[in-house]
Protein backbone atom coordinates (compact mmCIF):
# COMPACT_ATOMS: atom_id res chain seq x y z
CA MET A 1 -40.80 12.54 14.83
CA GLY A 2 -44.13 12.81 16.55
CA GLN A 3 -47.56 14.34 16.06
CA SER A 4 -46.17 17.82 15.40
CA VAL A 5 -44.15 16.65 12.42
CA PHE A 6 -46.27 13.99 10.71
CA ASN A 7 -49.91 14.55 9.89
CA SER A 8 -52.06 11.58 10.92
CA ARG A 9 -55.55 12.76 10.09
CA THR A 10 -55.46 14.63 6.79
CA ARG A 11 -54.51 13.49 3.31
CA SER A 12 -52.01 16.29 2.77
CA GLY A 13 -49.03 13.93 2.82
CA LEU A 14 -46.54 12.46 5.22
CA VAL A 15 -45.53 15.79 6.77
CA SER A 16 -48.01 18.13 8.42
CA PRO A 17 -47.92 21.92 7.83
CA LYS A 18 -46.33 22.48 11.22
CA GLY A 19 -43.90 19.64 10.59
CA ASN A 20 -42.87 21.25 7.30
CA TRP A 21 -41.78 24.38 9.13
CA ILE A 22 -39.97 22.43 11.85
CA LEU A 23 -38.03 20.36 9.33
CA LEU A 24 -37.24 23.43 7.21
CA VAL A 25 -35.91 25.40 10.19
CA VAL A 26 -33.85 22.46 11.51
CA SER A 27 -32.40 21.75 8.05
CA LEU A 28 -31.48 25.37 7.39
CA VAL A 29 -29.96 25.91 10.83
CA VAL A 30 -27.68 22.90 10.42
CA LEU A 31 -26.80 23.41 6.76
CA VAL A 32 -26.39 27.17 6.91
CA GLY A 33 -24.69 27.15 10.31
CA TYR A 34 -22.22 24.31 9.80
CA VAL A 35 -21.83 24.07 6.01
CA LEU A 36 -22.63 27.35 4.26
CA TRP A 37 -21.53 29.88 6.87
CA PRO A 38 -18.05 28.38 7.42
CA SER A 39 -17.60 28.29 3.64
CA LEU A 40 -18.63 31.94 3.35
CA ARG A 41 -16.25 32.81 6.20
CA LEU A 42 -13.47 31.09 4.31
CA PHE A 43 -14.29 33.02 1.14
CA THR A 44 -14.27 36.23 3.15
CA GLU A 45 -10.80 35.40 4.43
CA GLY A 46 -9.36 33.88 1.27
CA PHE A 47 -11.02 35.57 -1.72
CA ASN A 48 -8.53 38.39 -1.86
CA LEU A 49 -7.56 39.33 -5.41
CA PRO A 50 -4.13 40.84 -4.57
CA LEU A 51 -3.33 37.80 -2.44
CA LEU A 52 -4.45 35.39 -5.17
CA LEU A 53 -2.31 37.25 -7.71
CA GLU A 54 0.62 37.00 -5.32
CA LEU A 55 0.11 33.25 -4.96
CA PHE A 56 -0.71 32.38 -8.58
CA GLY A 57 0.56 35.39 -10.53
CA SER A 58 3.70 33.63 -11.76
CA PHE A 59 3.68 30.38 -13.71
CA SER A 60 6.90 29.40 -11.99
CA SER A 61 5.55 29.83 -8.44
CA GLY A 62 5.01 26.81 -6.22
CA ASN A 63 1.27 27.42 -6.05
CA SER A 64 0.89 27.67 -9.84
CA ARG A 65 2.85 24.45 -10.11
CA ALA A 66 0.55 22.90 -7.51
CA LEU A 67 -2.50 23.94 -9.54
CA PHE A 68 -1.00 22.47 -12.71
CA ASN A 69 -0.05 19.21 -10.97
CA SER A 70 -3.52 18.82 -9.45
CA VAL A 71 -5.22 19.33 -12.81
CA TRP A 72 -2.67 17.20 -14.67
CA ILE A 73 -2.97 14.23 -12.34
CA SER A 74 -6.78 14.52 -12.35
CA VAL A 75 -6.94 14.41 -16.16
CA TRP A 76 -4.70 11.36 -16.31
CA THR A 77 -6.61 9.72 -13.47
CA VAL A 78 -9.85 10.11 -15.43
CA LEU A 79 -8.23 8.56 -18.50
CA GLY A 80 -6.60 5.66 -16.64
CA ALA A 81 -9.52 4.88 -14.36
CA GLY A 82 -11.96 5.35 -17.24
CA VAL A 83 -10.20 2.89 -19.54
CA LEU A 84 -9.80 0.26 -16.80
CA GLY A 85 -13.25 0.60 -15.22
CA THR A 86 -15.22 0.87 -18.47
CA THR A 87 -13.31 -2.01 -20.08
CA MET A 88 -13.94 -4.27 -17.09
CA ALA A 89 -17.64 -3.40 -17.05
CA PHE A 90 -18.00 -4.11 -20.79
CA LEU A 91 -16.06 -7.39 -20.72
CA PHE A 92 -18.06 -8.69 -17.75
CA PHE A 93 -21.27 -7.67 -19.53
CA ARG A 94 -20.49 -9.04 -22.98
CA TYR A 95 -18.31 -12.12 -22.47
CA ASP A 96 -18.09 -15.26 -20.38
CA PHE A 97 -14.47 -16.26 -19.76
CA PRO A 98 -12.33 -18.17 -17.22
CA LEU A 99 -12.13 -16.71 -13.70
CA LYS A 100 -14.96 -14.26 -14.44
CA LYS A 101 -16.83 -15.07 -11.21
CA ILE A 102 -13.73 -14.41 -9.12
CA LEU A 103 -13.16 -11.11 -10.89
CA LEU A 104 -16.78 -10.09 -10.39
CA SER A 105 -16.47 -10.70 -6.65
CA MET A 106 -13.24 -8.67 -6.50
CA ALA A 107 -14.05 -5.82 -8.88
CA ALA A 108 -15.17 -3.42 -6.16
CA LEU A 109 -12.43 -4.50 -3.72
CA PRO A 110 -10.68 -1.08 -3.59
CA LEU A 111 -13.77 0.33 -1.87
CA ALA A 112 -12.77 -1.70 1.20
CA LEU A 113 -9.50 0.21 1.47
CA PRO A 114 -9.52 3.56 3.28
CA PRO A 115 -7.42 6.07 1.31
CA LEU A 116 -4.50 6.04 3.75
CA VAL A 117 -4.45 2.24 3.90
CA GLY A 118 -4.43 1.95 0.12
CA VAL A 119 -1.51 4.35 -0.14
CA LEU A 120 0.42 2.43 2.53
CA ALA A 121 -0.18 -0.82 0.67
CA PHE A 122 1.33 0.63 -2.51
CA LEU A 123 4.22 2.05 -0.51
CA PHE A 124 5.04 -1.35 1.01
CA LEU A 125 4.54 -3.13 -2.29
CA TYR A 126 5.89 -0.82 -5.00
CA GLY A 127 7.97 1.81 -3.16
CA GLU A 128 11.76 2.09 -3.37
CA SER A 129 12.10 -0.41 -0.50
CA GLY A 130 8.94 -2.25 -1.51
CA ILE A 131 8.58 -5.99 -1.73
CA LEU A 132 8.19 -6.23 -5.50
CA PRO A 133 11.17 -4.06 -6.61
CA ARG A 134 13.45 -5.65 -4.00
CA SER A 135 12.32 -9.15 -5.05
CA ILE A 136 13.20 -8.50 -8.68
CA GLN A 137 16.53 -7.03 -7.60
CA ALA A 138 17.33 -10.15 -5.54
CA VAL A 139 16.22 -12.64 -8.21
CA PHE A 140 18.30 -11.04 -10.98
CA ALA A 141 21.20 -9.96 -8.70
CA LEU A 142 20.86 -6.33 -9.70
CA SER A 143 22.88 -3.59 -8.04
CA ASP A 144 19.81 -1.34 -7.73
CA VAL A 145 16.09 -1.86 -7.71
CA PRO A 146 14.81 -1.95 -11.33
CA PHE A 147 11.94 0.40 -10.58
CA SER A 148 10.10 2.07 -7.74
CA PHE A 149 6.87 4.02 -7.74
CA GLN A 150 7.31 7.55 -6.55
CA GLY A 151 6.42 11.02 -7.69
CA MET A 152 3.57 11.87 -10.04
CA TRP A 153 3.16 8.45 -11.62
CA ALA A 154 2.93 6.78 -8.23
CA VAL A 155 0.12 9.17 -7.31
CA TRP A 156 -1.53 8.34 -10.64
CA LEU A 157 -1.33 4.58 -10.06
CA VAL A 158 -2.88 4.86 -6.59
CA HIS A 159 -5.66 7.05 -8.01
CA VAL A 160 -6.41 4.61 -10.84
CA TYR A 161 -6.52 1.69 -8.42
CA SER A 162 -8.92 3.40 -6.04
CA MET A 163 -11.09 5.33 -8.52
CA TYR A 164 -11.65 3.00 -11.46
CA VAL A 165 -14.43 1.50 -9.34
CA PHE A 166 -16.67 4.50 -10.06
CA PHE A 167 -16.45 3.90 -13.81
CA TYR A 168 -16.99 0.19 -13.27
CA LEU A 169 -20.08 0.66 -11.08
CA PHE A 170 -21.64 3.40 -13.19
CA CYS A 171 -21.11 1.57 -16.50
CA SER A 172 -22.16 -1.81 -15.09
CA ALA A 173 -25.46 -0.33 -13.96
CA SER A 174 -25.98 1.32 -17.35
CA LEU A 175 -25.19 -1.85 -19.30
CA GLN A 176 -27.96 -3.73 -17.52
CA ASN A 177 -30.44 -1.64 -19.52
CA VAL A 178 -28.98 -2.36 -22.96
CA ASP A 179 -31.58 -3.91 -25.29
CA ARG A 180 -30.52 -7.34 -26.51
CA SER A 181 -32.58 -6.98 -29.69
CA LEU A 182 -30.46 -4.01 -30.84
CA ILE A 183 -27.23 -5.97 -30.55
CA GLU A 184 -28.73 -9.05 -32.19
CA ALA A 185 -30.14 -6.98 -35.06
CA ALA A 186 -26.76 -5.31 -35.65
CA SER A 187 -25.00 -8.68 -35.64
CA ASP A 188 -27.55 -10.20 -38.02
CA LEU A 189 -26.89 -7.35 -40.43
CA GLY A 190 -23.18 -8.24 -40.41
CA ALA A 191 -21.85 -5.50 -38.11
CA HIS A 192 -18.41 -6.23 -36.67
CA PRO A 193 -18.28 -6.42 -32.83
CA SER A 194 -16.16 -3.25 -32.76
CA ARG A 195 -18.83 -1.40 -34.76
CA VAL A 196 -21.55 -2.74 -32.46
CA PHE A 197 -19.60 -1.33 -29.54
CA ARG A 198 -19.11 2.09 -31.19
CA THR A 199 -22.65 2.51 -32.48
CA ILE A 200 -24.79 0.82 -29.78
CA ILE A 201 -22.88 0.22 -26.55
CA LEU A 202 -20.78 3.38 -26.35
CA PRO A 203 -23.65 5.86 -26.93
CA HIS A 204 -25.60 4.04 -24.23
CA LEU A 205 -22.64 4.34 -21.85
CA LYS A 206 -21.95 8.01 -22.58
CA PRO A 207 -24.01 9.49 -19.68
CA SER A 208 -22.42 7.09 -17.19
CA ILE A 209 -18.92 7.76 -18.49
CA VAL A 210 -19.49 11.51 -18.30
CA SER A 211 -20.83 11.27 -14.73
CA ALA A 212 -17.97 9.05 -13.60
CA SER A 213 -15.40 11.31 -15.31
CA LEU A 214 -16.68 14.43 -13.56
CA LEU A 215 -16.82 12.62 -10.23
CA VAL A 216 -13.34 11.13 -10.52
CA PHE A 217 -11.84 14.45 -11.64
CA MET A 218 -13.33 16.19 -8.61
CA ILE A 219 -12.20 13.45 -6.19
CA SER A 220 -8.72 13.46 -7.68
CA MET A 221 -8.45 17.23 -7.34
CA ALA A 222 -9.30 16.86 -3.65
CA SER A 223 -6.86 13.97 -3.11
CA PHE A 224 -4.46 14.47 -0.21
CA THR A 225 -3.10 11.14 1.03
CA ALA A 226 -1.42 9.87 -2.14
CA PRO A 227 0.32 13.21 -2.84
CA LEU A 228 1.39 13.43 0.81
CA LEU A 229 3.21 10.08 0.78
CA PHE A 230 4.26 9.72 -2.87
CA ALA A 231 4.60 13.17 -4.47
CA GLY A 232 8.00 13.96 -2.97
CA THR A 233 8.93 17.55 -3.84
CA GLU A 234 5.99 18.02 -6.23
CA ASN A 235 3.33 20.46 -5.05
CA PHE A 236 -0.43 19.88 -5.03
CA LEU A 237 -3.18 22.25 -3.97
CA THR A 238 -4.22 20.06 -1.04
CA LEU A 239 -0.61 19.81 0.16
CA GLN A 240 -0.18 23.57 -0.10
CA ILE A 241 -3.27 24.08 2.05
CA TYR A 242 -1.89 21.66 4.64
CA ASN A 243 1.65 23.05 4.61
CA TYR A 244 0.54 26.67 4.98
CA LYS A 245 -1.75 25.69 7.84
CA VAL A 246 1.01 23.74 9.63
CA ASN A 247 3.35 26.71 9.24
CA GLY A 248 0.75 29.04 10.74
CA ASN A 249 -0.03 30.96 7.54
CA LEU A 250 -3.81 30.61 7.64
CA GLU A 251 -4.36 33.48 5.18
CA TYR A 252 -2.48 31.69 2.37
CA SER A 253 -4.14 28.41 3.27
CA ALA A 254 -7.58 30.02 3.04
CA ALA A 255 -6.78 31.60 -0.34
CA ILE A 256 -5.72 28.29 -1.89
CA SER A 257 -8.75 26.61 -0.30
CA VAL A 258 -10.97 29.07 -2.15
CA VAL A 259 -9.38 28.16 -5.49
CA LEU A 260 -9.72 24.42 -4.87
CA THR A 261 -13.31 24.77 -3.66
CA LEU A 262 -14.35 26.78 -6.72
CA ILE A 263 -12.94 24.09 -9.00
CA CYS A 264 -14.75 21.32 -7.12
CA LEU A 265 -18.01 23.29 -7.01
CA PHE A 266 -17.82 23.76 -10.77
CA PHE A 267 -17.54 20.02 -11.31
CA LEU A 268 -20.30 19.30 -8.79
CA ALA A 269 -22.56 21.61 -10.81
CA LEU A 270 -21.65 19.72 -13.98
CA ILE A 271 -22.46 16.41 -12.24
CA GLU A 272 -25.87 17.69 -11.18
CA MET A 273 -26.62 19.01 -14.67
CA ASN A 274 -25.61 15.68 -16.19
CA ARG A 275 -27.69 13.77 -13.64
CA ARG A 276 -30.80 15.79 -14.42
CA GLY A 277 -30.19 15.42 -18.14
CA ASP A 278 -30.03 11.64 -17.77
CA ARG A 279 -33.54 11.55 -16.35
CA VAL A 280 -35.10 12.42 -19.66
CA SER A 281 -33.48 9.50 -21.49
CA THR A 282 -35.75 6.65 -22.44
CA ALA A 283 -35.08 3.15 -21.15
CA SER A 284 -35.10 0.20 -23.51
CA LYS A 285 -37.81 -2.42 -23.21
CA GLY A 286 -35.73 -5.41 -24.28
CA SER A 287 -33.79 -7.81 -22.09
CA ALA A 288 -30.07 -7.67 -21.49
CA PRO A 289 -27.95 -9.72 -23.90
CA ILE A 290 -26.59 -13.08 -22.84
CA PRO A 291 -22.77 -13.03 -22.39
CA VAL A 292 -20.88 -14.64 -25.26
CA ALA A 293 -18.70 -17.56 -24.19
CA VAL A 294 -15.03 -17.31 -25.18
CA ARG A 295 -14.41 -20.71 -26.78
CA SER A 296 -11.23 -20.31 -28.80
CA GLY A 297 -8.27 -21.90 -27.03
CA TRP A 298 -5.95 -18.96 -27.70
CA ALA A 299 -8.61 -16.39 -26.73
CA ARG A 300 -9.40 -18.29 -23.53
CA PHE A 301 -5.71 -18.37 -22.64
CA VAL A 302 -5.32 -14.62 -23.22
CA ALA A 303 -8.52 -13.93 -21.26
CA MET A 304 -7.33 -16.11 -18.38
CA MET A 305 -3.92 -14.42 -18.27
CA ALA A 306 -5.55 -10.98 -18.28
CA ALA A 307 -7.94 -12.06 -15.53
CA ILE A 308 -5.06 -13.37 -13.42
CA GLY A 309 -3.20 -10.09 -13.93
CA ILE A 310 -6.19 -8.03 -12.76
CA ILE A 311 -6.77 -10.35 -9.79
CA VAL A 312 -3.15 -9.97 -8.72
CA PHE A 313 -3.30 -6.19 -9.22
CA LEU A 314 -6.43 -5.96 -7.03
CA ALA A 315 -5.44 -8.45 -4.33
CA LEU A 316 -1.72 -7.74 -3.83
CA PRO A 317 -2.13 -4.44 -1.92
CA ILE A 318 -4.54 -6.01 0.56
CA LEU A 319 -2.45 -9.17 0.97
CA THR A 320 0.63 -7.00 1.52
CA ILE A 321 -1.03 -5.07 4.34
CA VAL A 322 -2.12 -8.35 5.97
CA LEU A 323 1.42 -9.75 5.73
CA ILE A 324 3.04 -6.62 7.15
CA SER A 325 0.56 -6.58 10.05
CA PHE A 326 2.38 -9.60 11.51
CA VAL A 327 5.85 -8.05 11.28
CA GLN A 328 7.79 -7.77 14.51
CA GLU A 329 9.02 -4.25 15.17
CA GLY A 330 12.53 -3.68 13.88
CA SER A 331 12.71 -6.98 11.96
CA TRP A 332 12.22 -5.52 8.48
CA THR A 333 14.92 -3.12 7.36
CA TRP A 334 16.92 -4.02 4.22
CA GLN A 335 15.47 -7.50 3.67
CA VAL A 336 13.07 -8.30 0.83
CA LEU A 337 10.56 -9.87 3.20
CA PRO A 338 10.18 -9.46 6.97
CA GLN A 339 12.32 -11.84 9.01
CA ALA A 340 10.22 -12.14 12.18
CA TYR A 341 6.47 -12.35 12.68
CA THR A 342 4.27 -11.96 15.74
CA TRP A 343 0.66 -11.77 16.90
CA ASP A 344 1.56 -8.99 19.30
CA ASN A 345 0.54 -6.26 16.87
CA TYR A 346 -3.05 -7.50 17.05
CA LEU A 347 -2.99 -8.35 20.74
CA ASN A 348 -1.73 -4.85 21.53
CA LEU A 349 -4.70 -3.30 19.73
CA PHE A 350 -6.94 -4.40 22.57
CA SER A 351 -4.58 -4.88 25.51
CA GLN A 352 -2.26 -1.85 25.54
CA PRO A 353 -4.08 1.34 26.63
CA ASP A 354 -1.94 3.65 24.48
CA VAL A 355 -2.51 1.43 21.43
CA THR A 356 -6.23 1.02 22.11
CA ALA A 357 -6.80 4.75 22.64
CA PRO A 358 -6.90 5.69 18.91
CA ILE A 359 -9.37 2.85 18.26
CA MET A 360 -11.67 4.03 21.03
CA ASN A 361 -11.32 7.63 19.87
CA SER A 362 -12.29 6.72 16.32
CA LEU A 363 -15.22 4.58 17.47
CA LYS A 364 -16.44 7.34 19.77
CA MET A 365 -16.13 10.15 17.23
CA ALA A 366 -17.50 8.07 14.34
CA THR A 367 -20.48 7.08 16.48
CA LEU A 368 -21.21 10.67 17.49
CA ALA A 369 -20.97 11.87 13.90
CA THR A 370 -23.05 8.98 12.56
CA VAL A 371 -25.84 9.49 15.09
CA GLY A 372 -25.95 13.15 14.13
CA ASN A 373 -25.91 12.27 10.42
CA LEU A 374 -28.67 9.70 10.92
CA LEU A 375 -31.05 12.03 12.78
CA PHE A 376 -30.40 15.00 10.53
CA GLY A 377 -30.15 13.01 7.30
CA VAL A 378 -33.53 11.31 7.68
CA ALA A 379 -35.22 14.56 8.72
CA ALA A 380 -33.70 16.49 5.79
CA ALA A 381 -34.53 13.72 3.31
CA VAL A 382 -38.15 13.59 4.51
CA PHE A 383 -38.46 17.35 4.02
CA ILE A 384 -36.79 17.28 0.60
CA THR A 385 -38.99 14.49 -0.77
CA LYS A 386 -42.27 14.88 1.15
CA GLY A 387 -42.25 18.51 2.32
CA LYS A 388 -44.55 21.14 0.87
CA LEU A 389 -42.57 24.36 1.34
CA PRO A 390 -40.52 26.12 -1.38
CA GLY A 391 -37.22 25.72 0.50
CA ARG A 392 -36.81 22.07 -0.48
CA GLY A 393 -34.52 22.87 -3.41
CA VAL A 394 -32.24 24.98 -1.23
CA VAL A 395 -32.02 22.23 1.39
CA ARG A 396 -31.25 19.65 -1.29
CA LEU A 397 -28.50 21.81 -2.77
CA LEU A 398 -26.91 22.56 0.58
CA SER A 399 -27.08 18.91 1.62
CA ILE A 400 -24.81 17.84 -1.26
CA LEU A 401 -22.46 20.82 -0.89
CA PRO A 402 -20.08 19.02 1.55
CA PHE A 403 -19.36 16.46 -1.13
CA ALA A 404 -17.80 19.20 -3.29
CA ILE A 405 -15.70 20.62 -0.46
CA PRO A 406 -12.38 18.75 -0.03
CA GLY A 407 -11.52 17.50 3.44
CA THR A 408 -8.62 19.89 3.70
CA VAL A 409 -10.95 22.81 2.94
CA ILE A 410 -13.57 21.66 5.45
CA ALA A 411 -10.84 21.62 8.07
CA ILE A 412 -9.76 25.17 7.20
CA ASN A 413 -13.44 26.26 7.18
CA LEU A 414 -13.86 25.01 10.74
CA ILE A 415 -10.59 26.52 11.94
CA VAL A 416 -11.52 29.93 10.53
CA THR A 417 -15.07 29.79 11.92
CA PHE A 418 -14.58 28.22 15.33
CA SER A 419 -11.27 29.80 16.37
CA THR A 420 -13.40 32.29 18.30
CA ALA A 421 -16.48 31.82 20.45
CA HIS A 422 -19.44 30.88 18.26
CA PRO A 423 -23.18 30.55 19.03
CA LEU A 424 -23.40 27.18 17.23
CA ALA A 425 -20.61 25.92 19.48
CA GLY A 426 -22.45 26.95 22.64
CA GLY A 427 -20.31 30.06 22.91
CA ALA A 428 -17.11 27.99 23.14
CA ILE A 429 -13.91 27.97 21.08
CA LEU A 430 -13.73 24.57 19.40
CA VAL A 431 -10.28 24.81 17.82
CA GLY A 432 -7.99 22.59 19.89
CA SER A 433 -10.91 20.73 21.48
CA PHE A 434 -12.18 17.18 21.13
CA TRP A 435 -15.42 18.25 19.42
CA LEU A 436 -14.09 19.85 16.25
CA LEU A 437 -13.11 16.54 14.67
CA PRO A 438 -16.47 14.74 15.06
CA MET A 439 -18.08 17.93 13.74
CA ALA A 440 -15.88 17.65 10.65
CA TYR A 441 -16.91 14.01 10.24
CA PHE A 442 -20.57 15.02 10.53
CA ILE A 443 -20.24 17.76 7.91
CA ARG A 444 -18.28 15.65 5.43
CA HIS A 445 -20.80 12.80 5.50
CA ILE A 446 -24.09 14.70 5.36
CA PRO A 447 -24.61 13.72 1.69
CA LEU A 448 -24.35 9.98 2.41
CA ILE A 449 -27.46 9.47 4.54
CA VAL A 450 -29.42 12.29 2.91
CA ARG A 451 -28.90 10.85 -0.59
CA SER A 452 -29.48 7.21 0.38
CA THR A 453 -32.68 8.10 2.27
CA ILE A 454 -33.93 10.31 -0.57
CA ALA A 455 -33.47 7.39 -2.97
CA SER A 456 -35.64 5.22 -0.72
CA LEU A 457 -38.31 7.86 -0.12
CA GLU A 458 -38.63 8.66 -3.83
CA SER A 459 -39.71 5.06 -4.46
CA TYR A 460 -42.01 4.98 -1.41
CA ASP A 461 -45.74 4.73 -2.18
CA ASP A 462 -47.61 7.53 -0.37
CA ARG A 463 -50.82 5.49 -0.57
CA LEU A 464 -49.43 3.31 2.23
CA THR A 465 -49.36 6.37 4.50
CA ASP A 466 -52.88 7.38 3.45
CA ALA A 467 -54.18 3.88 4.16
CA SER A 468 -52.55 3.83 7.57
CA GLN A 469 -54.03 7.20 8.45
CA ASP A 470 -57.49 6.20 7.19
CA LEU A 471 -57.35 3.21 9.54
CA GLY A 472 -56.73 5.53 12.47
CA ALA A 473 -53.01 5.03 13.02
CA GLY A 474 -51.22 7.94 14.63
CA SER A 475 -48.35 9.77 13.01
CA PHE A 476 -45.60 8.09 15.02
CA ARG A 477 -47.06 4.62 14.49
CA THR A 478 -47.44 5.26 10.75
CA PHE A 479 -43.85 6.34 10.44
CA TRP A 480 -42.49 3.57 12.67
CA SER A 481 -44.61 0.72 11.25
CA ILE A 482 -45.06 1.71 7.60
CA VAL A 483 -42.56 4.33 6.41
CA LEU A 484 -39.43 3.31 8.30
CA PRO A 485 -39.48 -0.39 7.30
CA SER A 486 -39.89 0.69 3.66
CA ILE A 487 -36.95 3.09 3.66
CA LEU A 488 -34.79 1.13 6.13
CA PRO A 489 -32.43 -0.42 3.52
CA GLY A 490 -31.47 3.02 2.21
CA VAL A 491 -31.13 4.49 5.69
CA LEU A 492 -29.06 1.52 6.85
CA ALA A 493 -26.80 1.74 3.80
CA GLY A 494 -26.10 5.42 4.36
CA THR A 495 -25.60 4.93 8.09
CA LEU A 496 -23.10 2.10 7.72
CA LEU A 497 -21.16 3.89 4.99
CA THR A 498 -21.08 7.03 7.13
CA PHE A 499 -19.78 5.13 10.14
CA VAL A 500 -17.00 3.22 8.38
CA THR A 501 -15.95 6.24 6.32
CA ALA A 502 -15.68 8.28 9.51
CA LEU A 503 -13.61 5.51 11.08
CA GLY A 504 -11.03 5.76 8.32
CA GLU A 505 -11.19 9.53 7.78
CA PHE A 506 -7.69 10.95 7.45
CA VAL A 507 -7.70 14.24 5.55
CA SER A 508 -9.66 16.31 8.06
CA SER A 509 -8.22 14.33 10.96
CA ILE A 510 -4.59 15.21 10.24
CA MET A 511 -5.46 18.91 10.30
CA LEU A 512 -7.84 19.03 13.27
CA TYR A 513 -6.85 16.33 15.76
CA VAL A 514 -5.35 16.90 19.18
CA PHE A 515 -3.40 14.25 21.06
CA ASP A 516 -6.31 13.27 23.28
CA ASN A 517 -8.60 12.46 20.34
CA ARG A 518 -6.08 11.20 17.77
CA PRO A 519 -7.94 8.71 15.53
CA ILE A 520 -6.78 5.45 13.95
CA SER A 521 -5.78 7.08 10.67
CA VAL A 522 -3.46 9.58 12.35
CA GLU A 523 -1.97 6.83 14.51
CA ILE A 524 -1.25 4.76 11.40
CA LEU A 525 0.78 7.61 9.97
CA SER A 526 2.53 8.11 13.33
CA GLN A 527 3.54 4.44 13.49
CA LEU A 528 4.74 4.59 9.91
CA ARG A 529 6.99 7.54 10.73
CA LEU A 530 8.33 5.58 13.72
CA TYR A 531 9.07 2.64 11.35
CA ASP A 532 6.76 0.37 13.33
CA PHE A 533 5.27 -1.05 10.14
CA GLY A 534 3.56 -3.97 11.87
CA ALA A 535 1.54 -1.75 14.19
CA ALA A 536 0.56 0.56 11.31
CA ALA A 537 -0.57 -2.41 9.21
CA ALA A 538 -2.50 -3.98 12.11
CA TYR A 539 -4.52 -0.78 12.51
CA SER A 540 -5.07 -0.86 8.75
CA VAL A 541 -6.33 -4.44 8.75
CA LEU A 542 -8.77 -3.56 11.54
CA LEU A 543 -10.14 -0.73 9.40
CA MET A 544 -10.43 -3.02 6.37
CA ILE A 545 -12.34 -5.61 8.38
CA LEU A 546 -14.79 -3.01 9.65
CA ILE A 547 -15.31 -1.50 6.21
CA GLY A 548 -15.57 -4.90 4.52
CA THR A 549 -18.15 -6.07 7.04
CA ALA A 550 -20.21 -2.93 6.53
CA THR A 551 -20.00 -3.33 2.74
CA VAL A 552 -21.33 -6.89 2.98
CA VAL A 553 -24.20 -5.74 5.18
CA VAL A 554 -25.02 -2.86 2.82
CA ASN A 555 -25.07 -5.20 -0.17
CA HIS A 556 -27.23 -7.69 1.73
CA PHE A 557 -29.85 -5.07 2.45
CA GLY A 558 -29.80 -3.74 -1.09
CA GLY A 559 -28.00 -0.56 -0.18
CA THR A 560 -26.27 1.70 -2.65
CA SER A 561 -22.58 2.17 -3.15
CA ARG A 562 -20.65 5.32 -2.44
CA SER A 563 -21.26 6.48 -5.96
CA SER A 564 -24.96 6.84 -5.18
CA MET A 565 -24.19 10.15 -3.51
CA VAL A 566 -24.01 11.86 -6.86
CA GLN A 567 -26.49 9.86 -8.86
C-alpha cells in the first residue's frame, strides 16, 4: 500500500482520494466476482418455483423432512447450548468454588476441535461400538450395550458440545460490565439471589443471549459433519445438498441450497440488527462484583462434583482421540479398548509420502487462502473504516455475506459458476482442478480477517497518522511504522484463525476436492471408512495441535475469538 493509496501530505485521513477508488474497485471486484455473483448464479439455477414445490410440496417428502429436522435440531441446539453456556458463564462470574480455575482454562476447549474431529471423538467415545457403552456393558456383564448415541440426539449432543462456547463467551463478556452496586443494593434490600438474577443479571444478559441464539441457530442449520456421521437415515438440508450433488443432480442441489441460504441470510440480518441495537445501550460505571465463595460443606461437594462432571465431559473427547491415535491398525475390533499401540501412526505422517501428501496439500491450500485473505482483508477493512466513498456500507455487507452461506452452498456456488470458462478464473474451467478448493477456503474466511482488522482500526487514533504526516513521514512509512503495529494484534488474530480453520475445513473440501489435492479432513474420513482408526486419529491430533497453538498465540496477542466475526 504505497503513495497512491495512503495520503501522506494532507489531513484528509489515512486513505487518499485515489486510494479510496483503488480500494473500492478491488473490494467490489473480489466480493462481487467471488461472493455475490456465484450466489446470484445459484439463485438463477435454483430459485425455480415449480421445482421448489416439487421438492417441498409434500410434508411427507424427504426434503420437507430434511427441512423439519434441520430446524428442529437447531432449536434444540440453541436451548441446550444456551442453558449450558449461560449457566457456566454466570457461575464463573458469581461464585468461587473448587476446581473453578481448571474449568475456566477448559471452558473454551471445544474451539480447539475441528468439526470433523469433534464428531469422530464422540463416535469413538459414545457410538454403538464406543468405549463408554462397551465399558459399561463389560462391567455389568450385559448382553447388549446399555446405550449408544446415534440419530437426532447424537447430532444434538455434538452440537451442544461444540456450540455452547458461543453462549459462554458472549455472556462472559457481558457479565464483566455488570455494576456491583446494583447487586449489592438488591441484596441489602433483602432480594433473594434468584430474584437478583431475574431482575438484574438476566436483563443485562439478554442482548448477548439473543446474539448467541441467532448465531448458534444459523451455524446449526448449516451443520454437515455431525448429520453425516450420526444422523443415519434422517435427512438434513445439508445432506440433501451433498447427496444430490454426488448423484449428479445439480439442479435439485441448487434448489435446496437456495432454501438453506435464505434461512441463514435471514438470521444473519437478525444478528446485524441486534448488534446495531446493542450499541445504543449504556454501560454501567460501577465495578464488577466479587465472586461469592461457596463455603457450605454440602454446597462445596455438589459444586465440586458438578465441576468434575463438566471437566470430564469437556476433556474425554480430546483424550479419546489422543488414545486412538496410538492404535495399531486392525488391533481394535470388538474389544472395549485397543489391544496394541504404536508410534507408527505419527511417524508415518512425516515419513510416508502418501500419508504426508494430505498434510502438505492442506498446508499449501491453507497458506494460499490465508495470504489472499490477509491482503484482501486488510485492504477491505481499511476502506470500510477509513475510506471516504459511499460504497463502504456495501463492501461491509458483502464482506460478512460468506459467513451466512453454508459450506455446502459455497461449494455448489463455485461448481455452478466455474464449471465453464470464467474471466475471474483466467478463462479456465476450475471444476476438477486444484485451485477451486483454496478459492473456497478464501471465500469462506473473508469475514475473519475483515472483522478482526475492522475492530482494531475502529479503536485506532487517527491523530497518530496526522502527527506522522506532519513530521514528513511518507505514506508507506506511516502505515508500516504507525498504523500496522497498532492494528497488528487484530490482523494476527484473524490471520491465524483463518489459517487453522482452513487447515481443518471439511464441508467444502468433501464436495470440491480431487485426489491430487485431498486435504487432511478428507483423508481422516477416508481412513475412518477403511477402519484405520489410528491413522485417522493421528491426523486429528495434528490438527488439534495446530489449532491449539494458534489459539494460544491469538490469546497472547489479545486477539478475538471466532465469535467476534458477528459482534
